[in-house]
Amino acid sequence: MGGGMGRSLLRAGHVVHGFDINDKAVLHFIADGGETGALPDVAKRLDVLVTVVVNAAQMESVLFGEHGVAPSLAKGTVVIGCATVAPDFARSTEARLAGLGVLYVDAPMSGGAAKAADGALTMMVGATPEAMSKAEPVLASMAQKIFRLGDRAGAGSAMKIVNQMLAGVHIASMAEAITFAMTQGVEPRQFMDVIPQCAGTSWMLENRGPHVVDGDYTPRSAVEIFVKDLGIVSDIARGVRFSAPLTAAALQQFLAASGMGFGAEDDAAVAKVYARNARLKLPGE
């Protein structure tokens, strides 16, 4: 997603420096018109730093770790955090950056790699008016829809975890339904011909179901992402004494998929858990 977002920023006319642990990704980005360099030196000249990582631990490392970039940023620089993290982590990141004179925009995103490449993401944003004003041209280059949810960090992350709660449950329910259908003689392709035209459909079913039909589990979003995200939801729910049984059930299925060795596969691979338990053979197997 970071590569697509970087290219969307290039198309909008921004000067963009790209950094990744995958050297090939950086080379491809440079070939498309991006720049790179020594991050500590580049950091001093940035107006905006966009962090596109998997989780809070990676964001912590990028900003405040042994080689963290935050101390190198000039005062008034804006950091846009796009990872799905707990709201408390977003608020603490805002406070720590403020201590360095750096602004923070809590901007988790939804839409996947395809929409990132098209500059058509949905972003859920919490930020001070000053941070939002400085970040807006960059956000507008990456997102088609920007929801301003509050004047401080945490508001965007709160909405994102609600979205992830639904997304994870919907993926797991798709996997359960498409494999249950197989026990009734309904082939996955038939399922996808009919159910998207019926009341039981969902965006996740329509997006992930074809992965099962094609037997293609190339990760667009991996099983481990929902182990993390539904884990965040469950931890927060426990903290506020909120019962979330559907989330808990979905999380167990993603954990099972990870434990069976499918953690790095597309999140639709949760269907393999149901298939193995029911002794079913999915397409492509």
C-alpha atoms as a PDB file:
ATOM      1  CA  MET A   1       0.000   0.000   0.000  1.00  0.00           C
ATOM      2  CA  GLY A   2       2.869   2.368   0.740  1.00  0.00           C
ATOM      3  CA  GLY A   3       4.177   2.031  -2.800  1.00  0.00           C
ATOM      4  CA  GLY A   4       0.791   2.893  -4.263  1.00  0.00           C
ATOM      5  CA  MET A   5       0.409   5.850  -1.926  1.00  0.00           C
ATOM      6  CA  GLY A   6       3.868   7.125  -2.855  1.00  0.00           C
ATOM      7  CA  ARG A   7       3.034   6.946  -6.552  1.00  0.00           C
ATOM      8  CA  SER A   8      -0.263   8.745  -5.964  1.00  0.00           C
ATOM      9  CA  LEU A   9       1.703  11.530  -4.292  1.00  0.00           C
ATOM     10  CA  LEU A  10       4.089  11.682  -7.264  1.00  0.00           C
ATOM     11  CA  ARG A  11       1.167  12.015  -9.685  1.00  0.00           C
ATOM     12  CA  ALA A  12      -0.133  14.923  -7.621  1.00  0.00           C
ATOM     13  CA  GLY A  13       3.171  16.746  -8.088  1.00  0.00           C
ATOM     14  CA  HIS A  14       4.789  16.186  -4.697  1.00  0.00           C
ATOM     15  CA  VAL A  15       8.495  15.453  -4.303  1.00  0.00           C
ATOM     16  CA  VAL A  16       8.489  12.066  -2.581  1.00  0.00           C
ATOM     17  CA  HIS A  17      11.351  10.173  -0.931  1.00  0.00           C
ATOM     18  CA  GLY A  18      10.626   6.478  -0.421  1.00  0.00           C
ATOM     19  CA  PHE A  19      12.140   4.151   2.165  1.00  0.00           C
ATOM     20  CA  ASP A  20      11.443   0.444   2.683  1.00  0.00           C
ATOM     21  CA  ILE A  21      13.141  -2.590   4.181  1.00  0.00           C
ATOM     22  CA  ASN A  22      12.682  -4.161   0.715  1.00  0.00           C
ATOM     23  CA  ASP A  23      15.423  -2.690  -1.483  1.00  0.00           C
ATOM     24  CA  LYS A  24      13.665  -3.800  -4.675  1.00  0.00           C
ATOM     25  CA  ALA A  25      10.571  -1.811  -3.707  1.00  0.00           C
ATOM     26  CA  VAL A  26      12.720   1.308  -3.344  1.00  0.00           C
ATOM     27  CA  LEU A  27      14.364   0.721  -6.740  1.00  0.00           C
ATOM     28  CA  HIS A  28      10.953   0.331  -8.406  1.00  0.00           C
ATOM     29  CA  PHE A  29       9.809   3.537  -6.733  1.00  0.00           C
ATOM     30  CA  ILE A  30      12.849   5.445  -7.991  1.00  0.00           C
ATOM     31  CA  ALA A  31      12.213   4.101 -11.497  1.00  0.00           C
ATOM     32  CA  ASP A  32       8.718   5.591 -11.277  1.00  0.00           C
ATOM     33  CA  GLY A  33      10.064   9.045 -10.435  1.00  0.00           C
ATOM     34  CA  GLY A  34      10.500   8.857  -6.678  1.00  0.00           C
ATOM     35  CA  GLU A  35      13.621   9.697  -4.732  1.00  0.00           C
ATOM     36  CA  THR A  36      15.357   8.163  -1.753  1.00  0.00           C
ATOM     37  CA  GLY A  37      18.554   9.084   0.132  1.00  0.00           C
ATOM     38  CA  ALA A  38      19.930   8.843   3.649  1.00  0.00           C
ATOM     39  CA  LEU A  39      16.874   9.052   5.855  1.00  0.00           C
ATOM     40  CA  PRO A  40      18.436  11.149   8.681  1.00  0.00           C
ATOM     41  CA  ASP A  41      19.482  13.759   6.105  1.00  0.00           C
ATOM     42  CA  VAL A  42      16.219  13.685   4.150  1.00  0.00           C
ATOM     43  CA  ALA A  43      14.217  13.897   7.385  1.00  0.00           C
ATOM     44  CA  LYS A  44      15.597  17.349   8.153  1.00  0.00           C
ATOM     45  CA  ARG A  45      14.072  18.712   4.936  1.00  0.00           C
ATOM     46  CA  LEU A  46      10.650  17.084   5.063  1.00  0.00           C
ATOM     47  CA  ASP A  47       7.362  18.934   5.336  1.00  0.00           C
ATOM     48  CA  VAL A  48       5.419  15.705   5.852  1.00  0.00           C
ATOM     49  CA  LEU A  49       6.436  12.175   6.827  1.00  0.00           C
ATOM     50  CA  VAL A  50       3.935   9.420   5.957  1.00  0.00           C
ATOM     51  CA  THR A  51       4.420   6.151   7.855  1.00  0.00           C
ATOM     52  CA  VAL A  52       2.816   3.093   6.267  1.00  0.00           C
ATOM     53  CA  VAL A  53       3.658   0.120   8.490  1.00  0.00           C
ATOM     54  CA  VAL A  54       1.856  -2.904   9.885  1.00  0.00           C
ATOM     55  CA  ASN A  55       1.515  -2.214  13.584  1.00  0.00           C
ATOM     56  CA  ALA A  56       2.335  -0.056  16.584  1.00  0.00           C
ATOM     57  CA  ALA A  57       5.671  -1.807  17.205  1.00  0.00           C
ATOM     58  CA  GLN A  58       6.864  -0.934  13.714  1.00  0.00           C
ATOM     59  CA  MET A  59       5.684   2.671  14.054  1.00  0.00           C
ATOM     60  CA  GLU A  60       7.492   2.897  17.382  1.00  0.00           C
ATOM     61  CA  SER A  61      10.663   1.610  15.716  1.00  0.00           C
ATOM     62  CA  VAL A  62      10.418   3.971  12.734  1.00  0.00           C
ATOM     63  CA  LEU A  63       9.834   7.050  14.897  1.00  0.00           C
ATOM     64  CA  PHE A  64      11.502   6.421  18.246  1.00  0.00           C
ATOM     65  CA  GLY A  65      13.635   3.283  17.897  1.00  0.00           C
ATOM     66  CA  GLU A  66      17.421   2.995  17.779  1.00  0.00           C
ATOM     67  CA  HIS A  67      17.448   4.542  14.300  1.00  0.00           C
ATOM     68  CA  GLY A  68      14.160   6.389  14.746  1.00  0.00           C
ATOM     69  CA  VAL A  69      13.562   9.389  12.529  1.00  0.00           C
ATOM     70  CA  ALA A  70      11.565  11.588  14.926  1.00  0.00           C
ATOM     71  CA  PRO A  71      14.560  13.401  16.502  1.00  0.00           C
ATOM     72  CA  SER A  72      15.795  14.380  13.016  1.00  0.00           C
ATOM     73  CA  LEU A  73      12.544  16.069  11.986  1.00  0.00           C
ATOM     74  CA  ALA A  74      12.412  19.842  11.937  1.00  0.00           C
ATOM     75  CA  LYS A  75       9.951  21.600  14.210  1.00  0.00           C
ATOM     76  CA  GLY A  76       6.596  21.970  12.489  1.00  0.00           C
ATOM     77  CA  THR A  77       6.997  18.822  10.388  1.00  0.00           C
ATOM     78  CA  VAL A  78       3.835  16.723  10.166  1.00  0.00           C
ATOM     79  CA  VAL A  79       3.888  12.954  10.719  1.00  0.00           C
ATOM     80  CA  ILE A  80       0.933  11.073   9.208  1.00  0.00           C
ATOM     81  CA  GLY A  81       0.431   7.670  10.834  1.00  0.00           C
ATOM     82  CA  CYS A  82      -1.519   5.252   8.633  1.00  0.00           C
ATOM     83  CA  ALA A  83      -1.186   1.986  10.571  1.00  0.00           C
ATOM     84  CA  THR A  84      -4.052   0.395  12.466  1.00  0.00           C
ATOM     85  CA  VAL A  85      -3.158   0.960  16.120  1.00  0.00           C
ATOM     86  CA  ALA A  86      -4.987   1.312  19.410  1.00  0.00           C
ATOM     87  CA  PRO A  87      -6.329   4.842  20.046  1.00  0.00           C
ATOM     88  CA  ASP A  88      -4.203   5.142  23.201  1.00  0.00           C
ATOM     89  CA  PHE A  89      -1.065   4.490  21.152  1.00  0.00           C
ATOM     90  CA  ALA A  90      -2.089   7.192  18.659  1.00  0.00           C
ATOM     91  CA  ARG A  91      -2.622   9.676  21.503  1.00  0.00           C
ATOM     92  CA  SER A  92       0.727   8.863  23.110  1.00  0.00           C
ATOM     93  CA  THR A  93       2.494   9.215  19.753  1.00  0.00           C
ATOM     94  CA  GLU A  94       0.918  12.652  19.295  1.00  0.00           C
ATOM     95  CA  ALA A  95       2.132  13.703  22.748  1.00  0.00           C
ATOM     96  CA  ARG A  96       5.668  12.403  22.243  1.00  0.00           C
ATOM     97  CA  LEU A  97       6.016  14.122  18.877  1.00  0.00           C
ATOM     98  CA  ALA A  98       4.603  17.345  20.321  1.00  0.00           C
ATOM     99  CA  GLY A  99       7.477  17.273  22.800  1.00  0.00           C
ATOM    100  CA  LEU A 100       9.796  17.495  19.797  1.00  0.00           C
ATOM    101  CA  GLY A 101       7.794  20.277  18.172  1.00  0.00           C
ATOM    102  CA  VAL A 102       6.433  17.863  15.553  1.00  0.00           C
ATOM    103  CA  LEU A 103       2.751  17.601  14.584  1.00  0.00           C
ATOM    104  CA  TYR A 104       0.879  14.312  14.263  1.00  0.00           C
ATOM    105  CA  VAL A 105      -2.069  13.209  12.140  1.00  0.00           C
ATOM    106  CA  ASP A 106      -3.780   9.977  13.168  1.00  0.00           C
ATOM    107  CA  ALA A 107      -4.935   8.745   9.744  1.00  0.00           C
ATOM    108  CA  PRO A 108      -5.577   5.014   9.452  1.00  0.00           C
ATOM    109  CA  MET A 109      -6.839   4.002   6.037  1.00  0.00           C
ATOM    110  CA  SER A 110      -9.132   1.576   4.290  1.00  0.00           C
ATOM    111  CA  GLY A 111      -9.290   0.424   0.691  1.00  0.00           C
ATOM    112  CA  GLY A 112      -6.441  -1.997   0.067  1.00  0.00           C
ATOM    113  CA  ALA A 113      -3.543  -1.931  -2.380  1.00  0.00           C
ATOM    114  CA  ALA A 114      -5.665  -1.247  -5.480  1.00  0.00           C
ATOM    115  CA  LYS A 115      -7.238   1.910  -4.071  1.00  0.00           C
ATOM    116  CA  ALA A 116      -3.885   3.012  -2.647  1.00  0.00           C
ATOM    117  CA  ALA A 117      -2.448   2.832  -6.173  1.00  0.00           C
ATOM    118  CA  ASP A 118      -5.385   4.882  -7.517  1.00  0.00           C
ATOM    119  CA  GLY A 119      -5.192   7.546  -4.795  1.00  0.00           C
ATOM    120  CA  ALA A 120      -8.699   6.480  -3.809  1.00  0.00           C
ATOM    121  CA  LEU A 121      -8.317   5.420  -0.180  1.00  0.00           C
ATOM    122  CA  THR A 122     -10.702   6.245   2.643  1.00  0.00           C
ATOM    123  CA  MET A 123      -8.924   7.890   5.575  1.00  0.00           C
ATOM    124  CA  MET A 124     -10.255   8.311   9.095  1.00  0.00           C
ATOM    125  CA  VAL A 125      -8.498  11.291  10.621  1.00  0.00           C
ATOM    126  CA  GLY A 126      -7.951  12.741  14.060  1.00  0.00           C
ATOM    127  CA  ALA A 127      -5.642  15.775  14.264  1.00  0.00           C
ATOM    128  CA  THR A 128      -5.279  19.288  15.601  1.00  0.00           C
ATOM    129  CA  PRO A 129      -6.430  22.017  13.211  1.00  0.00           C
ATOM    130  CA  GLU A 130      -2.803  23.061  12.622  1.00  0.00           C
ATOM    131  CA  ALA A 131      -1.670  19.528  11.788  1.00  0.00           C
ATOM    132  CA  MET A 132      -4.707  18.953   9.578  1.00  0.00           C
ATOM    133  CA  SER A 133      -4.121  22.180   7.651  1.00  0.00           C
ATOM    134  CA  LYS A 134      -0.529  21.241   6.857  1.00  0.00           C
ATOM    135  CA  ALA A 135      -1.353  17.612   6.027  1.00  0.00           C
ATOM    136  CA  GLU A 136      -4.457  18.174   3.917  1.00  0.00           C
ATOM    137  CA  PRO A 137      -2.758  18.467   0.476  1.00  0.00           C
ATOM    138  CA  VAL A 138      -0.926  15.198   1.109  1.00  0.00           C
ATOM    139  CA  LEU A 139      -4.016  13.416   2.427  1.00  0.00           C
ATOM    140  CA  ALA A 140      -6.034  14.621  -0.572  1.00  0.00           C
ATOM    141  CA  SER A 141      -3.436  13.155  -2.941  1.00  0.00           C
ATOM    142  CA  MET A 142      -3.769   9.700  -1.364  1.00  0.00           C
ATOM    143  CA  ALA A 143      -7.454   9.511  -0.460  1.00  0.00           C
ATOM    144  CA  GLN A 144     -10.767   9.926  -2.204  1.00  0.00           C
ATOM    145  CA  LYS A 145     -12.655  10.223   1.075  1.00  0.00           C
ATOM    146  CA  ILE A 146     -11.290  11.910   4.193  1.00  0.00           C
ATOM    147  CA  PHE A 147     -13.387  11.805   7.349  1.00  0.00           C
ATOM    148  CA  ARG A 148     -12.372  14.397   9.946  1.00  0.00           C
ATOM    149  CA  LEU A 149     -13.358  12.756  13.225  1.00  0.00           C
ATOM    150  CA  GLY A 150     -11.796  14.879  15.952  1.00  0.00           C
ATOM    151  CA  ASP A 151      -9.247  17.513  16.890  1.00  0.00           C
ATOM    152  CA  ARG A 152      -6.746  15.132  18.404  1.00  0.00           C
ATOM    153  CA  ALA A 153      -5.129  11.813  17.640  1.00  0.00           C
ATOM    154  CA  GLY A 154      -7.050   8.684  18.610  1.00  0.00           C
ATOM    155  CA  ALA A 155     -10.310   9.598  16.907  1.00  0.00           C
ATOM    156  CA  GLY A 156      -9.202   8.150  13.576  1.00  0.00           C
ATOM    157  CA  SER A 157      -7.845   4.991  15.163  1.00  0.00           C
ATOM    158  CA  ALA A 158     -11.055   4.471  17.117  1.00  0.00           C
ATOM    159  CA  MET A 159     -13.098   4.474  13.911  1.00  0.00           C
ATOM    160  CA  LYS A 160     -10.580   2.221  12.151  1.00  0.00           C
ATOM    161  CA  ILE A 161     -10.795  -0.486  14.790  1.00  0.00           C
ATOM    162  CA  VAL A 162     -14.596  -0.418  14.467  1.00  0.00           C
ATOM    163  CA  ASN A 163     -14.133  -0.940  10.723  1.00  0.00           C
ATOM    164  CA  GLN A 164     -11.660  -3.768  11.309  1.00  0.00           C
ATOM    165  CA  MET A 165     -14.051  -5.427  13.725  1.00  0.00           C
ATOM    166  CA  LEU A 166     -16.649  -5.583  10.963  1.00  0.00           C
ATOM    167  CA  ALA A 167     -14.168  -6.461   8.231  1.00  0.00           C
ATOM    168  CA  GLY A 168     -12.712  -9.396  10.164  1.00  0.00           C
ATOM    169  CA  VAL A 169     -16.120 -10.769  11.106  1.00  0.00           C
ATOM    170  CA  HIS A 170     -17.318 -10.409   7.498  1.00  0.00           C
ATOM    171  CA  ILE A 171     -14.289 -12.257   6.095  1.00  0.00           C
ATOM    172  CA  ALA A 172     -14.705 -15.075   8.593  1.00  0.00           C
ATOM    173  CA  SER A 173     -18.433 -15.288   7.887  1.00  0.00           C
ATOM    174  CA  MET A 174     -17.729 -15.402   4.130  1.00  0.00           C
ATOM    175  CA  ALA A 175     -15.329 -18.292   4.736  1.00  0.00           C
ATOM    176  CA  GLU A 176     -17.876 -20.084   6.904  1.00  0.00           C
ATOM    177  CA  ALA A 177     -20.698 -19.606   4.400  1.00  0.00           C
ATOM    178  CA  ILE A 178     -18.755 -20.567   1.265  1.00  0.00           C
ATOM    179  CA  THR A 179     -17.476 -23.780   2.863  1.00  0.00           C
ATOM    180  CA  PHE A 180     -20.850 -24.601   4.429  1.00  0.00           C
ATOM    181  CA  ALA A 181     -22.326 -24.199   0.946  1.00  0.00           C
ATOM    182  CA  MET A 182     -19.911 -26.868  -0.294  1.00  0.00           C
ATOM    183  CA  THR A 183     -21.352 -29.364   2.209  1.00  0.00           C
ATOM    184  CA  GLN A 184     -24.713 -28.769   0.530  1.00  0.00           C
ATOM    185  CA  GLY A 185     -23.430 -29.387  -2.977  1.00  0.00           C
ATOM    186  CA  VAL A 186     -23.013 -25.691  -3.839  1.00  0.00           C
ATOM    187  CA  GLU A 187     -19.683 -25.052  -5.548  1.00  0.00           C
ATOM    188  CA  PRO A 188     -17.768 -21.875  -4.619  1.00  0.00           C
ATOM    189  CA  ARG A 189     -18.235 -20.429  -8.124  1.00  0.00           C
ATOM    190  CA  GLN A 190     -21.996 -20.967  -7.890  1.00  0.00           C
ATOM    191  CA  PHE A 191     -21.956 -19.343  -4.467  1.00  0.00           C
ATOM    192  CA  MET A 192     -20.252 -16.265  -5.904  1.00  0.00           C
ATOM    193  CA  ASP A 193     -22.644 -16.138  -8.854  1.00  0.00           C
ATOM    194  CA  VAL A 194     -25.675 -16.000  -6.586  1.00  0.00           C
ATOM    195  CA  ILE A 195     -24.942 -14.616  -3.106  1.00  0.00           C
ATOM    196  CA  PRO A 196     -23.579 -11.209  -4.254  1.00  0.00           C
ATOM    197  CA  GLN A 197     -27.025 -10.650  -5.789  1.00  0.00           C
ATOM    198  CA  CYS A 198     -28.797 -11.482  -2.520  1.00  0.00           C
ATOM    199  CA  ALA A 199     -29.376  -9.807   0.831  1.00  0.00           C
ATOM    200  CA  GLY A 200     -26.670 -11.852   2.553  1.00  0.00           C
ATOM    201  CA  THR A 201     -23.828 -10.260   0.634  1.00  0.00           C
ATOM    202  CA  SER A 202     -21.193  -7.836   1.930  1.00  0.00           C
ATOM    203  CA  TRP A 203     -18.306  -5.894   0.410  1.00  0.00           C
ATOM    204  CA  MET A 204     -15.844  -8.301   1.991  1.00  0.00           C
ATOM    205  CA  LEU A 205     -17.704 -11.326   0.631  1.00  0.00           C
ATOM    206  CA  GLU A 206     -17.680  -9.846  -2.863  1.00  0.00           C
ATOM    207  CA  ASN A 207     -14.000  -8.901  -2.613  1.00  0.00           C
ATOM    208  CA  ARG A 208     -12.566 -11.978  -0.879  1.00  0.00           C
ATOM    209  CA  GLY A 209     -14.869 -14.716  -2.183  1.00  0.00           C
ATOM    210  CA  PRO A 210     -13.216 -14.680  -5.641  1.00  0.00           C
ATOM    211  CA  HIS A 211      -9.869 -15.439  -3.986  1.00  0.00           C
ATOM    212  CA  VAL A 212     -11.353 -18.700  -2.706  1.00  0.00           C
ATOM    213  CA  VAL A 213     -12.974 -19.471  -6.067  1.00  0.00           C
ATOM    214  CA  ASP A 214      -9.643 -18.933  -7.853  1.00  0.00           C
ATOM    215  CA  GLY A 215      -7.596 -20.720  -5.202  1.00  0.00           C
ATOM    216  CA  ASP A 216      -5.402 -17.609  -5.161  1.00  0.00           C
ATOM    217  CA  TYR A 217      -4.172 -16.614  -1.716  1.00  0.00           C
ATOM    218  CA  THR A 218      -1.549 -14.107  -2.833  1.00  0.00           C
ATOM    219  CA  PRO A 219      -1.700 -11.671   0.093  1.00  0.00           C
ATOM    220  CA  ARG A 220      -3.588  -8.468  -0.606  1.00  0.00           C
ATOM    221  CA  SER A 221      -4.119  -8.321   3.148  1.00  0.00           C
ATOM    222  CA  ALA A 222      -2.708 -11.196   5.173  1.00  0.00           C
ATOM    223  CA  VAL A 223      -4.259 -13.450   7.810  1.00  0.00           C
ATOM    224  CA  GLU A 224      -1.781 -12.032  10.347  1.00  0.00           C
ATOM    225  CA  ILE A 225      -3.203  -8.540   9.826  1.00  0.00           C
ATOM    226  CA  PHE A 226      -6.523  -9.685  11.257  1.00  0.00           C
ATOM    227  CA  VAL A 227      -4.838 -11.622  14.050  1.00  0.00           C
ATOM    228  CA  LYS A 228      -3.379  -8.236  15.005  1.00  0.00           C
ATOM    229  CA  ASP A 229      -6.415  -6.046  14.328  1.00  0.00           C
ATOM    230  CA  LEU A 230      -9.031  -8.265  15.949  1.00  0.00           C
ATOM    231  CA  GLY A 231      -6.598  -8.703  18.829  1.00  0.00           C
ATOM    232  CA  ILE A 232      -6.575  -4.920  19.276  1.00  0.00           C
ATOM    233  CA  VAL A 233     -10.380  -4.861  19.185  1.00  0.00           C
ATOM    234  CA  SER A 234     -10.587  -7.667  21.745  1.00  0.00           C
ATOM    235  CA  ASP A 235      -8.094  -6.006  24.087  1.00  0.00           C
ATOM    236  CA  ILE A 236      -9.966  -2.702  23.990  1.00  0.00           C
ATOM    237  CA  ALA A 237     -13.338  -4.409  24.415  1.00  0.00           C
ATOM    238  CA  ARG A 238     -12.023  -6.253  27.456  1.00  0.00           C
ATOM    239  CA  GLY A 239     -10.718  -3.004  28.905  1.00  0.00           C
ATOM    240  CA  VAL A 240     -14.120  -1.307  28.693  1.00  0.00           C
ATOM    241  CA  ARG A 241     -15.983  -4.468  29.795  1.00  0.00           C
ATOM    242  CA  PHE A 242     -17.714  -4.815  26.429  1.00  0.00           C
ATOM    243  CA  SER A 243     -18.751  -8.291  25.314  1.00  0.00           C
ATOM    244  CA  ALA A 244     -17.768  -8.894  21.670  1.00  0.00           C
ATOM    245  CA  PRO A 245     -18.501 -12.586  21.015  1.00  0.00           C
ATOM    246  CA  LEU A 246     -18.573 -12.363  17.219  1.00  0.00           C
ATOM    247  CA  THR A 247     -15.173 -10.665  17.194  1.00  0.00           C
ATOM    248  CA  ALA A 248     -13.823 -13.338  19.538  1.00  0.00           C
ATOM    249  CA  ALA A 249     -15.097 -16.146  17.307  1.00  0.00           C
ATOM    250  CA  ALA A 250     -13.623 -14.559  14.177  1.00  0.00           C
ATOM    251  CA  LEU A 251     -10.289 -13.981  15.915  1.00  0.00           C
ATOM    252  CA  GLN A 252     -10.085 -17.659  16.866  1.00  0.00           C
ATOM    253  CA  GLN A 253     -10.496 -18.647  13.213  1.00  0.00           C
ATOM    254  CA  PHE A 254      -7.725 -16.287  12.106  1.00  0.00           C
ATOM    255  CA  LEU A 255      -5.512 -17.578  14.906  1.00  0.00           C
ATOM    256  CA  ALA A 256      -6.229 -21.122  13.741  1.00  0.00           C
ATOM    257  CA  ALA A 257      -5.336 -20.170  10.162  1.00  0.00           C
ATOM    258  CA  SER A 258      -2.068 -18.670  11.374  1.00  0.00           C
ATOM    259  CA  GLY A 259      -1.318 -21.729  13.478  1.00  0.00           C
ATOM    260  CA  MET A 260      -1.893 -23.940  10.431  1.00  0.00           C
ATOM    261  CA  GLY A 261       0.789 -22.031   8.545  1.00  0.00           C
ATOM    262  CA  PHE A 262      -1.386 -19.638   6.539  1.00  0.00           C
ATOM    263  CA  GLY A 263      -0.462 -16.431   8.369  1.00  0.00           C
ATOM    264  CA  ALA A 264       1.319 -14.846   5.414  1.00  0.00           C
ATOM    265  CA  GLU A 265      -1.418 -15.777   2.942  1.00  0.00           C
ATOM    266  CA  ASP A 266      -4.363 -13.621   1.927  1.00  0.00           C
ATOM    267  CA  ASP A 267      -6.904 -13.255   4.720  1.00  0.00           C
ATOM    268  CA  ALA A 268      -9.396 -15.259   2.623  1.00  0.00           C
ATOM    269  CA  ALA A 269      -7.247 -18.273   3.572  1.00  0.00           C
ATOM    270  CA  VAL A 270      -9.292 -18.445   6.772  1.00  0.00           C
ATOM    271  CA  ALA A 271     -11.600 -20.547   4.563  1.00  0.00           C
ATOM    272  CA  LYS A 272      -8.939 -23.268   4.744  1.00  0.00           C
ATOM    273  CA  VAL A 273      -9.644 -23.684   8.466  1.00  0.00           C
ATOM    274  CA  TYR A 274     -13.286 -24.496   7.780  1.00  0.00           C
ATOM    275  CA  ALA A 275     -12.365 -26.701   4.827  1.00  0.00           C
ATOM    276  CA  ARG A 276      -9.825 -28.744   6.786  1.00  0.00           C
ATOM    277  CA  ASN A 277     -12.230 -29.247   9.678  1.00  0.00           C
ATOM    278  CA  ALA A 278     -14.980 -30.395   7.311  1.00  0.00           C
ATOM    279  CA  ARG A 279     -12.611 -32.436   5.117  1.00  0.00           C
ATOM    280  CA  LEU A 280     -13.445 -30.353   2.089  1.00  0.00           C
ATOM    281  CA  LYS A 281     -11.201 -29.688  -0.894  1.00  0.00           C
ATOM    282  CA  LEU A 282     -11.128 -26.036  -1.901  1.00  0.00           C
ATOM    283  CA  PRO A 283     -10.462 -24.908  -5.491  1.00  0.00           C
ATOM    284  CA  GLY A 284      -6.799 -25.139  -6.398  1.00  0.00           C
ATOM    285  CA  GLU A 285      -6.035 -27.811  -3.807  1.00  0.00           C
END
